[in-house]
Amino acid sequence: MNLLLALIGIFLTSLVFSMFGRGGGEFYLPIIITFLSIDYYTASGISLFLIMIQGISMITIFHGKHRLVDWKLAFILGFCVAISAFLGGFISYRIPAIYLKILFSSFLLFSAYLLYKGYRLEAKPGKIGVWKRNVHGFTYHVNLLYIVLPISIVAFVAGMAGISGGGLIIPICILFGGIPLRIAMATNTFLVLTSSFMGFAGHMVRGGFNPILAIELAIAIIAGSQIGARLHIKVRENILRKFFALILVIAAFWMIIKIFI
């Protein structure tokens, strides 16, 4: 029964979060820990594996069907994310889980507020670090200097916490990078894959993984992400932005609640 409840919870979470190009590790971790009664570090290793599978599944839709992934930007940010997430996953056993949860929850709430208010730092053409992009009908300028370091830090913390970091990477891309919302969400699917893979690799070096359970849960992840990613294009951008802010708030409070129960 507990495994069934975990499968249902992970399927629904994957469906909702995949609409926004996100991994949803903030929810996978509590679901796994609550229903399956395993320790935090084993759960975080499983969570990263699930997010990695979800990333592969989402890319097939966001790129193959919607054509929204900015691949050049994805590879630049993916390189930073890969190194940072691996280091975070590698040293995660040294950091008490409670501190990671509090830190990430605080960042999520701050990002949700800025995103809901519609704050966005416009990139000005001609300035150092500003890169003009034209992707599938979207023309925009990216503030690379404003996003590379923050995203690297987020990936490092996410690798330690056993999540993908998309809850902060997407807001950073939108708020400070000047990247259109749909492009940011779609491109993040590659970063989800990169971050989770390297974070998972870091965890594997230190141990803490249950492959049989991970494969069982991956079935729910794939089903949910395929449905959610296909629904993305059907939702208006304004609704996506506000709903995404709400998701961040819920994720933050969920992580805080799990600290005390």
Protein backbone atom coordinates (compact mmCIF):
# COMPACT_ATOMS: atom_id res chain seq x y z
CA MET A 1 0.00 0.00 0.00
CA ASN A 2 2.79 2.43 0.89
CA LEU A 3 4.52 1.79 -2.44
CA LEU A 4 1.24 2.38 -4.29
CA LEU A 5 0.73 5.71 -2.51
CA ALA A 6 4.30 6.70 -3.34
CA LEU A 7 3.75 5.81 -7.01
CA ILE A 8 0.55 7.88 -7.18
CA GLY A 9 2.18 10.84 -5.46
CA ILE A 10 5.21 10.75 -7.74
CA PHE A 11 3.06 10.38 -10.87
CA LEU A 12 0.93 13.43 -9.99
CA THR A 13 3.98 15.47 -8.99
CA SER A 14 5.78 14.57 -12.20
CA LEU A 15 2.73 15.52 -14.27
CA VAL A 16 2.39 18.96 -12.67
CA PHE A 17 6.08 19.86 -12.52
CA SER A 18 6.77 18.69 -16.07
CA MET A 19 4.33 21.34 -17.31
CA PHE A 20 6.94 23.87 -16.11
CA GLY A 21 10.05 22.01 -17.24
CA ARG A 22 10.91 21.23 -13.62
CA GLY A 23 12.15 18.18 -11.77
CA GLY A 24 10.02 18.35 -8.64
CA GLY A 25 12.64 16.95 -6.28
CA GLU A 26 11.25 19.12 -3.48
CA PHE A 27 8.24 16.78 -3.47
CA TYR A 28 9.81 13.48 -4.53
CA LEU A 29 12.09 13.48 -1.50
CA PRO A 30 9.31 13.96 1.10
CA ILE A 31 7.07 11.44 -0.71
CA ILE A 32 9.79 8.79 -0.71
CA ILE A 33 10.78 9.44 2.90
CA THR A 34 7.17 9.60 4.17
CA PHE A 35 5.71 6.52 2.47
CA LEU A 36 8.75 4.27 2.13
CA SER A 37 10.53 5.02 5.41
CA ILE A 38 14.11 5.16 4.11
CA ASP A 39 16.90 7.46 5.23
CA TYR A 40 17.36 10.94 3.75
CA TYR A 41 20.57 10.26 1.82
CA THR A 42 19.30 7.08 0.16
CA ALA A 43 16.07 8.92 -0.69
CA SER A 44 18.01 11.83 -2.19
CA GLY A 45 19.97 9.42 -4.40
CA ILE A 46 16.72 7.84 -5.64
CA SER A 47 15.21 11.31 -6.12
CA LEU A 48 18.11 12.39 -8.33
CA PHE A 49 17.79 9.20 -10.40
CA LEU A 50 14.07 9.85 -10.89
CA ILE A 51 14.68 13.47 -11.89
CA MET A 52 17.32 12.30 -14.38
CA ILE A 53 14.81 9.94 -16.00
CA GLN A 54 12.21 12.71 -15.95
CA GLY A 55 14.65 15.08 -17.67
CA ILE A 56 15.18 12.63 -20.53
CA SER A 57 11.42 12.16 -20.86
CA MET A 58 10.68 15.91 -20.85
CA ILE A 59 13.32 16.74 -23.46
CA THR A 60 11.66 14.43 -25.97
CA ILE A 61 8.58 16.68 -25.77
CA PHE A 62 9.99 20.17 -25.13
CA HIS A 63 12.50 19.79 -27.96
CA GLY A 64 11.08 17.10 -30.20
CA LYS A 65 7.49 18.41 -30.15
CA HIS A 66 7.51 22.04 -28.92
CA ARG A 67 10.97 23.09 -30.29
CA LEU A 68 11.55 25.45 -27.35
CA VAL A 69 14.99 24.39 -26.04
CA ASP A 70 17.83 26.92 -26.54
CA TRP A 71 20.59 24.35 -26.99
CA LYS A 72 23.58 26.72 -27.10
CA LEU A 73 22.49 28.34 -23.85
CA ALA A 74 21.66 24.91 -22.41
CA PHE A 75 25.18 23.59 -23.04
CA ILE A 76 26.86 26.65 -21.49
CA LEU A 77 24.72 26.54 -18.36
CA GLY A 78 24.77 22.75 -18.35
CA PHE A 79 28.57 22.73 -18.03
CA CYS A 80 28.39 24.97 -14.94
CA VAL A 81 25.51 22.95 -13.50
CA ALA A 82 27.25 19.61 -14.08
CA ILE A 83 30.40 20.48 -12.14
CA SER A 84 28.53 22.20 -9.31
CA ALA A 85 25.91 19.46 -8.89
CA PHE A 86 28.54 16.71 -8.82
CA LEU A 87 30.52 18.50 -6.10
CA GLY A 88 27.32 19.11 -4.15
CA GLY A 89 26.29 15.47 -4.35
CA PHE A 90 29.81 14.33 -3.46
CA ILE A 91 30.00 16.28 -0.18
CA SER A 92 26.30 16.02 0.75
CA TYR A 93 26.96 13.51 3.51
CA ARG A 94 28.95 16.18 5.39
CA ILE A 95 26.06 18.66 5.62
CA PRO A 96 23.08 18.12 7.98
CA ALA A 97 19.91 17.76 5.88
CA ILE A 98 18.01 20.33 7.96
CA TYR A 99 20.32 23.16 6.89
CA LEU A 100 19.95 22.27 3.22
CA LYS A 101 16.15 22.27 3.47
CA ILE A 102 16.00 25.63 5.27
CA LEU A 103 18.38 27.27 2.81
CA PHE A 104 16.57 26.01 -0.28
CA SER A 105 13.12 26.83 1.10
CA SER A 106 14.18 30.43 1.75
CA PHE A 107 15.43 30.82 -1.81
CA LEU A 108 12.22 29.32 -3.21
CA LEU A 109 10.01 31.81 -1.34
CA PHE A 110 12.11 34.77 -2.46
CA SER A 111 12.00 33.62 -6.10
CA ALA A 112 8.24 33.05 -5.95
CA TYR A 113 7.66 36.61 -4.77
CA LEU A 114 9.77 38.17 -7.55
CA LEU A 115 8.23 35.93 -10.19
CA TYR A 116 4.65 36.63 -9.10
CA LYS A 117 5.32 40.39 -9.16
CA GLY A 118 6.63 40.06 -12.70
CA TYR A 119 10.07 41.45 -11.87
CA ARG A 120 12.54 41.04 -14.72
CA LEU A 121 15.97 42.55 -15.36
CA GLU A 122 16.02 43.44 -19.04
CA ALA A 123 19.21 42.62 -20.95
CA LYS A 124 20.54 45.66 -22.83
CA PRO A 125 22.12 44.92 -26.23
CA GLY A 126 25.77 45.93 -26.55
CA LYS A 127 26.70 45.47 -22.91
CA ILE A 128 29.42 43.03 -21.84
CA GLY A 129 28.02 39.56 -21.27
CA VAL A 130 24.78 40.22 -23.18
CA TRP A 131 24.10 37.60 -25.84
CA LYS A 132 21.50 37.93 -28.60
CA ARG A 133 19.52 34.76 -29.21
CA ASN A 134 16.96 33.74 -31.82
CA VAL A 135 15.27 30.43 -31.06
CA HIS A 136 12.26 29.10 -32.95
CA GLY A 137 10.63 32.53 -33.39
CA PHE A 138 11.73 33.97 -30.02
CA THR A 139 14.29 36.81 -30.23
CA TYR A 140 15.79 37.91 -26.92
CA HIS A 141 19.00 38.98 -25.16
CA VAL A 142 20.57 37.00 -22.31
CA ASN A 143 22.48 38.51 -19.35
CA LEU A 144 25.03 35.70 -19.11
CA LEU A 145 27.14 37.46 -16.46
CA TYR A 146 24.10 37.72 -14.18
CA ILE A 147 23.11 34.07 -14.28
CA VAL A 148 26.20 31.83 -14.57
CA LEU A 149 27.43 32.19 -10.97
CA PRO A 150 23.97 32.11 -9.28
CA ILE A 151 22.98 29.02 -11.27
CA SER A 152 26.26 27.30 -10.36
CA ILE A 153 25.62 27.98 -6.66
CA VAL A 154 22.05 26.71 -6.94
CA ALA A 155 23.21 23.53 -8.67
CA PHE A 156 25.78 22.95 -5.92
CA VAL A 157 23.16 23.28 -3.17
CA ALA A 158 20.66 21.22 -5.18
CA GLY A 159 23.21 18.43 -5.63
CA MET A 160 23.65 18.32 -1.86
CA ALA A 161 19.91 18.37 -1.22
CA GLY A 162 19.05 15.67 -3.77
CA ILE A 163 16.90 17.86 -6.05
CA SER A 164 17.36 19.32 -9.54
CA GLY A 165 17.37 23.00 -8.59
CA GLY A 166 14.90 24.01 -11.30
CA GLY A 167 12.82 25.83 -8.70
CA LEU A 168 15.57 28.45 -8.61
CA ILE A 169 17.28 28.00 -11.98
CA ILE A 170 14.15 28.93 -13.94
CA PRO A 171 13.46 32.11 -11.91
CA ILE A 172 17.12 33.15 -12.23
CA CYS A 173 16.94 32.72 -16.03
CA ILE A 174 13.70 34.72 -16.24
CA LEU A 175 14.30 37.41 -13.60
CA PHE A 176 17.99 38.13 -14.12
CA GLY A 177 18.81 36.53 -17.46
CA GLY A 178 16.05 38.15 -19.52
CA ILE A 179 15.06 34.79 -21.00
CA PRO A 180 11.41 34.30 -22.11
CA LEU A 181 9.42 32.12 -19.73
CA ARG A 182 8.70 29.27 -22.14
CA ILE A 183 12.32 29.15 -23.37
CA ALA A 184 13.57 29.17 -19.77
CA MET A 185 11.29 26.30 -18.78
CA ALA A 186 12.10 24.24 -21.87
CA THR A 187 15.86 24.83 -21.65
CA ASN A 188 15.75 23.90 -17.98
CA THR A 189 14.74 20.36 -18.96
CA PHE A 190 18.32 19.85 -20.15
CA LEU A 191 19.68 21.43 -16.97
CA VAL A 192 17.40 19.15 -14.93
CA LEU A 193 18.99 16.19 -16.70
CA THR A 194 22.53 17.53 -16.26
CA SER A 195 22.13 18.53 -12.62
CA SER A 196 20.41 15.32 -11.56
CA PHE A 197 22.86 13.08 -13.45
CA MET A 198 25.93 14.69 -11.91
CA GLY A 199 24.34 14.95 -8.47
CA PHE A 200 23.38 11.28 -8.74
CA ALA A 201 26.94 10.39 -9.76
CA GLY A 202 28.25 12.21 -6.71
CA HIS A 203 25.84 10.29 -4.49
CA MET A 204 26.79 6.97 -6.09
CA VAL A 205 30.46 7.55 -5.29
CA ARG A 206 29.49 7.78 -1.62
CA GLY A 207 26.79 5.10 -1.74
CA GLY A 208 23.13 5.53 -0.87
CA PHE A 209 20.91 4.13 -3.64
CA ASN A 210 18.23 1.44 -4.01
CA PRO A 211 18.12 0.48 -7.73
CA ILE A 212 15.07 -1.82 -7.57
CA LEU A 213 12.91 0.78 -5.83
CA ALA A 214 14.22 3.51 -8.15
CA ILE A 215 13.22 1.57 -11.28
CA GLU A 216 9.73 0.91 -9.89
CA LEU A 217 9.21 4.62 -9.18
CA ALA A 218 10.68 5.60 -12.56
CA ILE A 219 7.65 4.11 -14.32
CA ALA A 220 5.40 6.68 -12.62
CA ILE A 221 7.89 9.45 -13.44
CA ILE A 222 7.90 8.70 -17.16
CA ALA A 223 4.11 8.50 -17.41
CA GLY A 224 3.57 11.76 -15.53
CA SER A 225 6.28 13.72 -17.34
CA GLN A 226 5.02 12.73 -20.79
CA ILE A 227 1.53 14.00 -19.98
CA GLY A 228 2.70 17.16 -18.20
CA ALA A 229 5.19 18.23 -20.89
CA ARG A 230 2.51 17.88 -23.59
CA LEU A 231 0.14 20.12 -21.60
CA HIS A 232 2.74 22.94 -21.35
CA ILE A 233 1.99 24.54 -24.70
CA LYS A 234 -1.77 24.61 -23.98
CA VAL A 235 -1.43 26.94 -20.95
CA ARG A 236 -1.23 30.75 -21.39
CA GLU A 237 2.11 32.32 -20.38
CA ASN A 238 0.59 34.61 -17.74
CA ILE A 239 -1.10 31.62 -16.11
CA LEU A 240 2.15 29.63 -16.29
CA ARG A 241 4.07 32.40 -14.48
CA LYS A 242 1.59 32.79 -11.62
CA PHE A 243 0.96 29.08 -11.21
CA PHE A 244 4.70 28.47 -11.21
CA ALA A 245 5.12 31.04 -8.41
CA LEU A 246 2.41 29.20 -6.45
CA ILE A 247 4.20 25.89 -7.00
CA LEU A 248 7.41 27.39 -5.59
CA VAL A 249 5.59 28.58 -2.45
CA ILE A 250 3.98 25.17 -1.91
CA ALA A 251 7.32 23.42 -2.44
CA ALA A 252 9.05 25.74 0.04
CA PHE A 253 6.48 25.26 2.79
CA TRP A 254 6.37 21.52 2.14
CA MET A 255 10.12 21.29 2.69
CA ILE A 256 9.85 23.39 5.87
CA ILE A 257 7.02 21.23 7.25
CA LYS A 258 9.02 18.06 6.62
CA ILE A 259 11.80 19.44 8.82
CA PHE A 260 9.56 19.16 11.87
CA ILE A 261 7.54 16.01 11.14
